[in-house]
Amino acid sequence: MSELLPLTGEPLALDLVNTRPHTPDGPVDLLATPAALGTWLTLQAERLPGYPSEAALTAADLAAVHAVREHTAVAIDHLRRGEKPPASALAGLNLAQRAAPAILELGWDGTSVTAVPQRAGTVGVRLAARLAAAAGELLADPAFAAVRACEASDCVMLFLPAHPRRRWCSAARCGNRARVARYYQRHRTT
């Protein structure tokens, strides 16, 4: 993975879409390899428990995640512009979910019945289904209307602000840069 770490902490679907930031050298794919996907899964371990490290991921797993990311990005882009998402994007997300539907696997812990969500299939199919479900949850959530793009001129990251005055994807990443630029602009001697 590049030195640029993915932003995390937004809704999972936004974290996935935000793995394609722009840098001064152009767009970067932070999920370009199975190893990079494994690193992202490590960062998302609390929300995506049980997915393997990069050693167990394949190019097919990566392709499944890339497909969900693309369908999610297209649907988000259209909805943010007040347009109907393309049927192909919604169908792609539905197809990914159908490939590994979630069931509640019942078990016994010695004193009571347990119910743990499980999905069948390869790692990539299960992961794509989970990410597509997260995209569906975000797209259908009324809070989606509040999703914003970072105000930094060279940033394409999206976020769901917890505070209505939030302007940047990350205070440390873009906010500080914007504040420093404003400072130098105000204090420039000409």
Protein backbone atom coordinates (compact mmCIF):
# COMPACT_ATOMS: atom_id res chain seq x y z
CA MET A 1 0.00 0.00 0.00
CA SER A 2 1.22 3.50 -0.64
CA GLU A 3 2.33 5.79 2.18
CA LEU A 4 -1.11 7.37 1.94
CA LEU A 5 -3.29 5.49 4.40
CA PRO A 6 -7.00 5.08 3.73
CA LEU A 7 -9.39 7.19 5.72
CA THR A 8 -11.49 5.08 8.02
CA GLY A 9 -14.32 5.78 10.39
CA GLU A 10 -16.98 6.90 7.94
CA PRO A 11 -19.82 4.54 7.04
CA LEU A 12 -18.23 1.41 5.59
CA ALA A 13 -19.47 2.12 2.06
CA LEU A 14 -17.84 5.59 2.12
CA ASP A 15 -14.61 4.11 3.49
CA LEU A 16 -14.63 1.73 0.52
CA VAL A 17 -15.24 4.48 -2.05
CA ASN A 18 -12.61 6.66 -0.37
CA THR A 19 -9.90 4.12 -1.24
CA ARG A 20 -9.37 6.04 -4.51
CA PRO A 21 -7.97 9.41 -3.37
CA HIS A 22 -6.27 11.97 -5.56
CA THR A 23 -2.68 12.97 -4.87
CA PRO A 24 -0.46 15.59 -6.50
CA ASP A 25 0.66 12.77 -8.82
CA GLY A 26 -2.93 11.87 -9.76
CA PRO A 27 -5.47 9.30 -8.61
CA VAL A 28 -4.27 6.42 -6.44
CA ASP A 29 -5.95 3.07 -5.79
CA LEU A 30 -5.32 2.08 -2.19
CA LEU A 31 -6.80 -1.36 -2.99
CA ALA A 32 -4.65 -2.04 -6.05
CA THR A 33 -3.39 -5.43 -4.87
CA PRO A 34 -4.59 -8.29 -2.69
CA ALA A 35 -1.98 -7.19 -0.11
CA ALA A 36 -3.40 -3.66 -0.10
CA LEU A 37 -6.89 -5.08 0.36
CA GLY A 38 -5.55 -7.09 3.30
CA THR A 39 -4.12 -3.94 4.85
CA TRP A 40 -7.48 -2.19 4.45
CA LEU A 41 -9.23 -5.17 6.03
CA THR A 42 -6.84 -4.92 8.97
CA LEU A 43 -7.81 -1.25 9.37
CA GLN A 44 -11.49 -2.29 9.20
CA ALA A 45 -11.11 -5.36 11.44
CA GLU A 46 -13.54 -4.08 14.04
CA ARG A 47 -16.30 -3.68 11.44
CA LEU A 48 -15.29 -6.60 9.25
CA PRO A 49 -14.20 -9.31 11.68
CA GLY A 50 -13.12 -12.68 10.39
CA TYR A 51 -11.65 -11.66 7.04
CA PRO A 52 -8.10 -12.84 6.38
CA SER A 53 -4.87 -10.95 6.05
CA GLU A 54 -3.38 -10.28 2.65
CA ALA A 55 -1.73 -13.70 2.47
CA ALA A 56 -5.09 -15.41 1.96
CA LEU A 57 -6.54 -12.95 -0.56
CA THR A 58 -6.55 -13.54 -4.30
CA ALA A 59 -6.93 -11.46 -7.44
CA ALA A 60 -10.52 -12.78 -7.73
CA ASP A 61 -11.27 -11.51 -4.20
CA LEU A 62 -9.88 -8.12 -5.18
CA ALA A 63 -11.93 -8.05 -8.39
CA ALA A 64 -15.14 -8.73 -6.43
CA VAL A 65 -14.39 -5.86 -4.05
CA HIS A 66 -13.48 -3.54 -6.94
CA ALA A 67 -16.81 -4.30 -8.63
CA VAL A 68 -18.75 -3.44 -5.47
CA ARG A 69 -16.67 -0.29 -4.99
CA GLU A 70 -17.43 0.86 -8.53
CA HIS A 71 -21.17 0.17 -8.25
CA THR A 72 -21.23 1.96 -4.89
CA ALA A 73 -19.34 4.99 -6.22
CA VAL A 74 -21.64 5.32 -9.22
CA ALA A 75 -24.79 5.05 -7.08
CA ILE A 76 -23.46 7.58 -4.55
CA ASP A 77 -22.44 10.01 -7.28
CA HIS A 78 -25.89 9.94 -8.88
CA LEU A 79 -27.75 10.24 -5.59
CA ARG A 80 -25.58 13.17 -4.46
CA ARG A 81 -26.56 14.98 -7.66
CA GLY A 82 -30.24 14.24 -7.00
CA GLU A 83 -30.42 11.71 -9.82
CA LYS A 84 -31.69 8.16 -9.94
CA PRO A 85 -28.82 5.67 -9.62
CA PRO A 86 -28.27 3.59 -12.76
CA ALA A 87 -30.11 0.29 -12.68
CA SER A 88 -26.79 -1.45 -13.44
CA ALA A 89 -25.22 -0.10 -10.23
CA LEU A 90 -28.13 -1.21 -8.07
CA ALA A 91 -28.27 -4.57 -9.86
CA GLY A 92 -24.54 -5.06 -9.31
CA LEU A 93 -24.90 -4.43 -5.58
CA ASN A 94 -27.90 -6.77 -5.40
CA LEU A 95 -26.03 -9.47 -7.31
CA ALA A 96 -23.06 -9.25 -4.94
CA GLN A 97 -25.40 -9.68 -1.96
CA ARG A 98 -27.24 -12.61 -3.55
CA ALA A 99 -23.95 -14.42 -4.12
CA ALA A 100 -23.48 -14.84 -0.37
CA PRO A 101 -26.70 -14.19 1.52
CA ALA A 102 -26.38 -13.70 5.26
CA ILE A 103 -27.92 -16.29 7.55
CA LEU A 104 -28.02 -16.48 11.32
CA GLU A 105 -26.00 -19.57 12.15
CA LEU A 106 -27.42 -21.10 15.30
CA GLY A 107 -25.24 -22.73 17.90
CA TRP A 108 -25.11 -23.64 21.54
CA ASP A 109 -22.67 -22.01 23.97
CA GLY A 110 -23.39 -24.42 26.84
CA THR A 111 -26.15 -22.35 28.38
CA SER A 112 -28.11 -20.75 25.55
CA VAL A 113 -28.65 -20.65 21.81
CA THR A 114 -26.35 -18.29 19.92
CA ALA A 115 -27.08 -16.67 16.55
CA VAL A 116 -24.10 -15.39 14.58
CA PRO A 117 -24.44 -13.85 11.09
CA GLN A 118 -22.54 -15.96 8.54
CA ARG A 119 -22.13 -16.00 4.77
CA ALA A 120 -21.08 -18.90 2.57
CA GLY A 121 -18.63 -18.72 -0.33
CA THR A 122 -15.09 -17.65 -1.03
CA VAL A 123 -13.52 -14.78 0.86
CA GLY A 124 -14.06 -12.36 -2.01
CA VAL A 125 -17.70 -13.34 -2.51
CA ARG A 126 -18.45 -13.02 1.21
CA LEU A 127 -16.59 -9.73 1.49
CA ALA A 128 -18.26 -8.29 -1.62
CA ALA A 129 -21.66 -9.30 -0.25
CA ARG A 130 -20.93 -7.63 3.10
CA LEU A 131 -19.69 -4.44 1.41
CA ALA A 132 -22.67 -4.38 -0.97
CA ALA A 133 -24.99 -4.70 2.03
CA ALA A 134 -23.20 -1.77 3.68
CA ALA A 135 -23.66 0.24 0.49
CA GLY A 136 -27.36 -0.60 0.44
CA GLU A 137 -27.72 0.46 4.06
CA LEU A 138 -26.04 3.81 3.35
CA LEU A 139 -27.92 4.50 0.11
CA ALA A 140 -31.29 3.81 1.77
CA ASP A 141 -30.52 5.75 4.95
CA PRO A 142 -32.23 9.18 5.14
CA ALA A 143 -28.95 10.50 6.58
CA PHE A 144 -27.40 9.92 3.14
CA ALA A 145 -28.62 13.40 2.15
CA ALA A 146 -25.95 14.82 4.46
CA VAL A 147 -23.01 13.09 2.70
CA ARG A 148 -20.52 15.75 1.61
CA ALA A 149 -17.39 15.99 -0.45
CA CYS A 150 -14.28 17.38 1.19
CA GLU A 151 -13.91 21.11 0.50
CA ALA A 152 -10.18 20.87 -0.17
CA SER A 153 -9.72 21.74 -3.83
CA ASP A 154 -7.61 18.68 -4.58
CA CYS A 155 -9.55 16.11 -2.52
CA VAL A 156 -12.27 13.72 -3.67
CA MET A 157 -13.04 12.09 -0.32
CA LEU A 158 -16.62 11.82 0.94
CA PHE A 159 -17.82 11.94 4.51
CA LEU A 160 -20.98 11.94 6.59
CA PRO A 161 -20.52 14.86 8.99
CA ALA A 162 -21.38 14.38 12.64
CA HIS A 163 -21.21 18.17 12.98
CA PRO A 164 -22.91 20.48 10.46
CA ARG A 165 -19.84 22.74 10.22
CA ARG A 166 -17.44 19.95 9.21
CA ARG A 167 -15.81 20.90 5.91
CA TRP A 168 -12.96 18.45 5.35
CA CYS A 169 -12.60 14.71 5.12
CA SER A 170 -10.01 14.88 7.88
CA ALA A 171 -8.77 17.80 9.91
CA ALA A 172 -5.29 16.30 9.86
CA ARG A 173 -5.25 15.56 6.14
CA CYS A 174 -7.07 18.41 4.41
CA GLY A 175 -8.16 20.77 7.17
CA ASN A 176 -4.64 21.57 8.34
CA ARG A 177 -3.45 22.01 4.76
CA ALA A 178 -6.29 24.44 4.03
CA ARG A 179 -5.67 26.41 7.23
CA VAL A 180 -1.95 26.70 6.52
CA ALA A 181 -2.65 27.83 2.95
CA ARG A 182 -5.11 30.46 4.20
CA TYR A 183 -2.59 31.65 6.79
CA TYR A 184 0.15 32.11 4.18
CA GLN A 185 -2.28 33.77 1.82
CA ARG A 186 -3.27 36.32 4.49
CA HIS A 187 0.30 36.94 5.62
CA ARG A 188 1.92 37.07 2.23
CA THR A 189 4.09 40.13 1.73
CA THR A 190 3.79 41.58 -1.71
